[in-house]
Amino acid sequence: MELDLYISFTRYLTTFVFSFFVYQFFASLTNYYQIRDRNILWPAAMCLSTACYCFVFAFNTHFINQKLSDFILIIFWICAYSSFYCYLRTVEVYFGHKVRGLSFAKLYCLSFVSILLVCSFSTTLFDYNFLFDNHHYIKDNLFAKTMHFNVSPNLLGKLLGGLGAIVVFY
């Protein structure tokens, strides 16, 4: 599959999924205004964060600019783990009480999103990304920038990503 075809396909598919979750978000808000139960806001937040996840996925890292690509990847992870946290809270709403087995997963999601927010600020403000090996961005010509264009997480990035995969499978 050619890259242009892949980009078009993923944008079409994620736009469709994005519209579904936006619709579900507004349906959840309508239910909230009819029932007035705060617990209904967790499914609405889940739909909104998943819609943001789909939006970022539709316009993902097809960029040559390393800083922008890393920043979008961080936003992608923030949306994904925010959505997963809201999903866990939605499961608790469904059961009607807190589920003790989900406490570690919820704590991990909150801490991972906090780390990613700090990383996004450091990437934006200081051109320093502490989750990837090449954390200082090259400010040379375009050829030098493309030669250093890679996504290779360092030990912290691998540790957080591996633990995140275990938490999701849990």
C-alpha atoms as a PDB file:
ATOM      1  CA  MET A   1       0.000   0.000   0.000  1.00  0.00           C
ATOM      2  CA  GLU A   2       1.365   3.395  -0.914  1.00  0.00           C
ATOM      3  CA  LEU A   3       1.742   6.050   1.756  1.00  0.00           C
ATOM      4  CA  ASP A   4      -0.816   8.427   0.197  1.00  0.00           C
ATOM      5  CA  LEU A   5      -3.405   5.649   0.007  1.00  0.00           C
ATOM      6  CA  TYR A   6      -2.676   4.663   3.607  1.00  0.00           C
ATOM      7  CA  ILE A   7      -3.042   8.256   4.803  1.00  0.00           C
ATOM      8  CA  SER A   8      -6.332   8.671   2.914  1.00  0.00           C
ATOM      9  CA  PHE A   9      -7.695   5.385   4.233  1.00  0.00           C
ATOM     10  CA  THR A  10      -6.787   6.103   7.855  1.00  0.00           C
ATOM     11  CA  ARG A  11      -8.202   9.613   7.669  1.00  0.00           C
ATOM     12  CA  TYR A  12     -11.471   8.365   6.181  1.00  0.00           C
ATOM     13  CA  LEU A  13     -11.843   5.589   8.733  1.00  0.00           C
ATOM     14  CA  THR A  14     -10.926   7.698  11.745  1.00  0.00           C
ATOM     15  CA  THR A  15     -13.221  10.511  10.588  1.00  0.00           C
ATOM     16  CA  PHE A  16     -16.071   8.005  10.558  1.00  0.00           C
ATOM     17  CA  VAL A  17     -15.193   6.755  14.052  1.00  0.00           C
ATOM     18  CA  PHE A  18     -14.667  10.354  15.223  1.00  0.00           C
ATOM     19  CA  SER A  19     -18.196  11.291  14.108  1.00  0.00           C
ATOM     20  CA  PHE A  20     -19.625   8.246  15.918  1.00  0.00           C
ATOM     21  CA  PHE A  21     -18.011   9.245  19.224  1.00  0.00           C
ATOM     22  CA  VAL A  22     -19.034  12.884  18.844  1.00  0.00           C
ATOM     23  CA  TYR A  23     -22.621  11.679  18.336  1.00  0.00           C
ATOM     24  CA  GLN A  24     -22.338   9.472  21.443  1.00  0.00           C
ATOM     25  CA  PHE A  25     -20.947  12.419  23.400  1.00  0.00           C
ATOM     26  CA  PHE A  26     -23.971  14.558  22.587  1.00  0.00           C
ATOM     27  CA  ALA A  27     -26.295  11.627  23.338  1.00  0.00           C
ATOM     28  CA  SER A  28     -24.637  11.269  26.759  1.00  0.00           C
ATOM     29  CA  LEU A  29     -25.060  14.984  27.420  1.00  0.00           C
ATOM     30  CA  THR A  30     -28.747  14.719  26.500  1.00  0.00           C
ATOM     31  CA  ASN A  31     -29.114  11.845  28.974  1.00  0.00           C
ATOM     32  CA  TYR A  32     -27.369  13.904  31.635  1.00  0.00           C
ATOM     33  CA  TYR A  33     -29.755  16.820  31.193  1.00  0.00           C
ATOM     34  CA  GLN A  34     -32.726  14.461  31.445  1.00  0.00           C
ATOM     35  CA  ILE A  35     -31.543  12.393  34.413  1.00  0.00           C
ATOM     36  CA  ARG A  36     -29.195  14.869  36.191  1.00  0.00           C
ATOM     37  CA  ASP A  37     -26.887  12.165  37.505  1.00  0.00           C
ATOM     38  CA  ARG A  38     -23.186  13.082  37.625  1.00  0.00           C
ATOM     39  CA  ASN A  39     -22.121   9.525  36.896  1.00  0.00           C
ATOM     40  CA  ILE A  40     -23.445   9.889  33.355  1.00  0.00           C
ATOM     41  CA  LEU A  41     -20.678  12.399  32.682  1.00  0.00           C
ATOM     42  CA  TRP A  42     -18.017   9.633  32.702  1.00  0.00           C
ATOM     43  CA  PRO A  43     -19.375   7.987  29.542  1.00  0.00           C
ATOM     44  CA  ALA A  44     -19.621  11.476  27.991  1.00  0.00           C
ATOM     45  CA  ALA A  45     -15.998  12.196  28.918  1.00  0.00           C
ATOM     46  CA  MET A  46     -14.996   8.805  27.521  1.00  0.00           C
ATOM     47  CA  CYS A  47     -16.710   9.578  24.205  1.00  0.00           C
ATOM     48  CA  LEU A  48     -15.142  13.038  24.030  1.00  0.00           C
ATOM     49  CA  SER A  49     -11.614  11.819  24.803  1.00  0.00           C
ATOM     50  CA  THR A  50     -11.993   8.958  22.309  1.00  0.00           C
ATOM     51  CA  ALA A  51     -13.177  11.449  19.689  1.00  0.00           C
ATOM     52  CA  CYS A  52     -10.059  13.539  20.387  1.00  0.00           C
ATOM     53  CA  TYR A  53      -7.988  10.360  20.066  1.00  0.00           C
ATOM     54  CA  CYS A  54      -9.539   9.673  16.653  1.00  0.00           C
ATOM     55  CA  PHE A  55      -9.009  13.272  15.565  1.00  0.00           C
ATOM     56  CA  VAL A  56      -5.320  13.153  16.471  1.00  0.00           C
ATOM     57  CA  PHE A  57      -5.023   9.748  14.780  1.00  0.00           C
ATOM     58  CA  ALA A  58      -6.564  11.143  11.602  1.00  0.00           C
ATOM     59  CA  PHE A  59      -3.900  13.854  11.460  1.00  0.00           C
ATOM     60  CA  ASN A  60      -1.141  11.829  13.056  1.00  0.00           C
ATOM     61  CA  THR A  61       2.597  11.896  12.648  1.00  0.00           C
ATOM     62  CA  HIS A  62       2.900  12.201   8.856  1.00  0.00           C
ATOM     63  CA  PHE A  63       5.172  15.187   9.279  1.00  0.00           C
ATOM     64  CA  ILE A  64       8.850  15.716   8.556  1.00  0.00           C
ATOM     65  CA  ASN A  65       9.237  18.128  11.463  1.00  0.00           C
ATOM     66  CA  GLN A  66      10.564  15.990  14.333  1.00  0.00           C
ATOM     67  CA  LYS A  67       9.354  18.328  17.084  1.00  0.00           C
ATOM     68  CA  LEU A  68       5.809  18.457  15.711  1.00  0.00           C
ATOM     69  CA  SER A  69       5.781  14.707  15.166  1.00  0.00           C
ATOM     70  CA  ASP A  70       6.898  14.017  18.747  1.00  0.00           C
ATOM     71  CA  PHE A  71       4.404  16.520  20.119  1.00  0.00           C
ATOM     72  CA  ILE A  72       1.518  14.928  18.197  1.00  0.00           C
ATOM     73  CA  LEU A  73       2.609  11.496  19.426  1.00  0.00           C
ATOM     74  CA  ILE A  74       2.523  12.774  23.015  1.00  0.00           C
ATOM     75  CA  ILE A  75      -0.957  14.265  22.460  1.00  0.00           C
ATOM     76  CA  PHE A  76      -2.004  10.935  20.943  1.00  0.00           C
ATOM     77  CA  TRP A  77      -0.900   9.118  24.103  1.00  0.00           C
ATOM     78  CA  ILE A  78      -2.595  11.686  26.348  1.00  0.00           C
ATOM     79  CA  CYS A  79      -5.885  11.212  24.500  1.00  0.00           C
ATOM     80  CA  ALA A  80      -5.533   7.411  24.558  1.00  0.00           C
ATOM     81  CA  TYR A  81      -4.860   7.099  28.282  1.00  0.00           C
ATOM     82  CA  SER A  82      -7.437   9.758  29.190  1.00  0.00           C
ATOM     83  CA  SER A  83      -9.963   7.761  27.211  1.00  0.00           C
ATOM     84  CA  PHE A  84      -8.891   4.553  28.954  1.00  0.00           C
ATOM     85  CA  TYR A  85      -9.216   6.212  32.373  1.00  0.00           C
ATOM     86  CA  CYS A  86     -12.710   7.426  31.501  1.00  0.00           C
ATOM     87  CA  TYR A  87     -13.538   3.921  30.282  1.00  0.00           C
ATOM     88  CA  LEU A  88     -12.479   2.472  33.639  1.00  0.00           C
ATOM     89  CA  ARG A  89     -14.626   5.027  35.443  1.00  0.00           C
ATOM     90  CA  THR A  90     -17.528   4.182  33.101  1.00  0.00           C
ATOM     91  CA  VAL A  91     -17.176   0.509  34.055  1.00  0.00           C
ATOM     92  CA  GLU A  92     -17.468   1.519  37.702  1.00  0.00           C
ATOM     93  CA  VAL A  93     -20.575   3.561  36.887  1.00  0.00           C
ATOM     94  CA  TYR A  94     -22.053   0.504  35.194  1.00  0.00           C
ATOM     95  CA  PHE A  95     -21.452  -1.649  38.279  1.00  0.00           C
ATOM     96  CA  GLY A  96     -22.646   1.112  40.597  1.00  0.00           C
ATOM     97  CA  HIS A  97     -19.602   1.057  42.880  1.00  0.00           C
ATOM     98  CA  LYS A  98     -15.812   1.381  42.803  1.00  0.00           C
ATOM     99  CA  VAL A  99     -14.007  -1.726  41.586  1.00  0.00           C
ATOM    100  CA  ARG A 100     -10.887  -2.347  43.663  1.00  0.00           C
ATOM    101  CA  GLY A 101      -9.159  -4.282  40.898  1.00  0.00           C
ATOM    102  CA  LEU A 102      -9.123  -1.210  38.670  1.00  0.00           C
ATOM    103  CA  SER A 103      -7.393   1.070  41.189  1.00  0.00           C
ATOM    104  CA  PHE A 104      -3.876   0.374  39.901  1.00  0.00           C
ATOM    105  CA  ALA A 105      -4.914   0.910  36.274  1.00  0.00           C
ATOM    106  CA  LYS A 106      -6.610   4.206  37.128  1.00  0.00           C
ATOM    107  CA  LEU A 107      -3.594   5.390  39.127  1.00  0.00           C
ATOM    108  CA  TYR A 108      -1.264   4.443  36.274  1.00  0.00           C
ATOM    109  CA  CYS A 109      -3.401   6.299  33.727  1.00  0.00           C
ATOM    110  CA  LEU A 110      -3.434   9.451  35.838  1.00  0.00           C
ATOM    111  CA  SER A 111       0.317   9.328  36.482  1.00  0.00           C
ATOM    112  CA  PHE A 112       1.126   8.552  32.829  1.00  0.00           C
ATOM    113  CA  VAL A 113      -1.020  11.435  31.596  1.00  0.00           C
ATOM    114  CA  SER A 114       0.694  13.722  34.139  1.00  0.00           C
ATOM    115  CA  ILE A 115       4.140  12.657  32.903  1.00  0.00           C
ATOM    116  CA  LEU A 116       3.049  13.189  29.298  1.00  0.00           C
ATOM    117  CA  LEU A 117       1.713  16.669  30.085  1.00  0.00           C
ATOM    118  CA  VAL A 118       5.072  17.620  31.614  1.00  0.00           C
ATOM    119  CA  CYS A 119       6.814  16.126  28.579  1.00  0.00           C
ATOM    120  CA  SER A 120       4.574  18.072  26.184  1.00  0.00           C
ATOM    121  CA  PHE A 121       5.399  21.329  27.963  1.00  0.00           C
ATOM    122  CA  SER A 122       9.128  20.567  27.916  1.00  0.00           C
ATOM    123  CA  THR A 123       8.937  19.678  24.203  1.00  0.00           C
ATOM    124  CA  THR A 124       7.030  22.830  23.358  1.00  0.00           C
ATOM    125  CA  LEU A 125       8.842  25.329  25.539  1.00  0.00           C
ATOM    126  CA  PHE A 126      12.400  24.003  25.793  1.00  0.00           C
ATOM    127  CA  ASP A 127      12.785  21.680  22.755  1.00  0.00           C
ATOM    128  CA  TYR A 128      13.607  18.886  25.180  1.00  0.00           C
ATOM    129  CA  ASN A 129      11.815  15.539  25.064  1.00  0.00           C
ATOM    130  CA  PHE A 130      12.883  13.195  27.846  1.00  0.00           C
ATOM    131  CA  LEU A 131      10.981  10.160  26.493  1.00  0.00           C
ATOM    132  CA  PHE A 132      13.080   9.715  23.336  1.00  0.00           C
ATOM    133  CA  ASP A 133      16.792   9.092  22.755  1.00  0.00           C
ATOM    134  CA  ASN A 134      17.247  12.062  20.466  1.00  0.00           C
ATOM    135  CA  HIS A 135      15.726  14.505  22.928  1.00  0.00           C
ATOM    136  CA  HIS A 136      17.565  17.620  21.759  1.00  0.00           C
ATOM    137  CA  TYR A 137      16.300  18.699  18.383  1.00  0.00           C
ATOM    138  CA  ILE A 138      18.768  19.401  15.607  1.00  0.00           C
ATOM    139  CA  LYS A 139      18.595  22.994  14.371  1.00  0.00           C
ATOM    140  CA  ASP A 140      20.676  22.463  11.217  1.00  0.00           C
ATOM    141  CA  ASN A 141      19.531  22.433   7.619  1.00  0.00           C
ATOM    142  CA  LEU A 142      16.699  20.230   6.335  1.00  0.00           C
ATOM    143  CA  PHE A 143      19.060  17.407   5.328  1.00  0.00           C
ATOM    144  CA  ALA A 144      20.538  17.197   8.829  1.00  0.00           C
ATOM    145  CA  LYS A 145      17.063  17.248  10.328  1.00  0.00           C
ATOM    146  CA  THR A 146      15.852  14.376   8.140  1.00  0.00           C
ATOM    147  CA  MET A 147      18.953  12.320   8.930  1.00  0.00           C
ATOM    148  CA  HIS A 148      18.130  12.571  12.635  1.00  0.00           C
ATOM    149  CA  PHE A 149      14.417  11.918  12.156  1.00  0.00           C
ATOM    150  CA  ASN A 150      13.586   8.879  14.237  1.00  0.00           C
ATOM    151  CA  VAL A 151      11.275   7.753  16.964  1.00  0.00           C
ATOM    152  CA  SER A 152      13.316   5.715  19.392  1.00  0.00           C
ATOM    153  CA  PRO A 153      12.144   5.790  22.981  1.00  0.00           C
ATOM    154  CA  ASN A 154      14.781   5.795  25.676  1.00  0.00           C
ATOM    155  CA  LEU A 155      14.656   3.568  28.758  1.00  0.00           C
ATOM    156  CA  LEU A 156      12.008   5.728  30.466  1.00  0.00           C
ATOM    157  CA  GLY A 157       9.811   5.712  27.347  1.00  0.00           C
ATOM    158  CA  LYS A 158      10.159   1.935  26.972  1.00  0.00           C
ATOM    159  CA  LEU A 159       9.411   1.378  30.651  1.00  0.00           C
ATOM    160  CA  LEU A 160       6.303   3.573  30.611  1.00  0.00           C
ATOM    161  CA  GLY A 161       5.094   2.081  27.318  1.00  0.00           C
ATOM    162  CA  GLY A 162       5.642  -1.499  28.469  1.00  0.00           C
ATOM    163  CA  LEU A 163       3.915  -0.875  31.769  1.00  0.00           C
ATOM    164  CA  GLY A 164       1.086   0.854  29.890  1.00  0.00           C
ATOM    165  CA  ALA A 165       0.614  -2.206  27.675  1.00  0.00           C
ATOM    166  CA  ILE A 166       0.496  -4.457  30.726  1.00  0.00           C
ATOM    167  CA  VAL A 167      -2.068  -2.170  32.379  1.00  0.00           C
ATOM    168  CA  VAL A 168      -4.270  -2.157  29.282  1.00  0.00           C
ATOM    169  CA  PHE A 169      -4.120  -5.956  28.962  1.00  0.00           C
ATOM    170  CA  TYR A 170      -4.875  -6.262  32.681  1.00  0.00           C
END
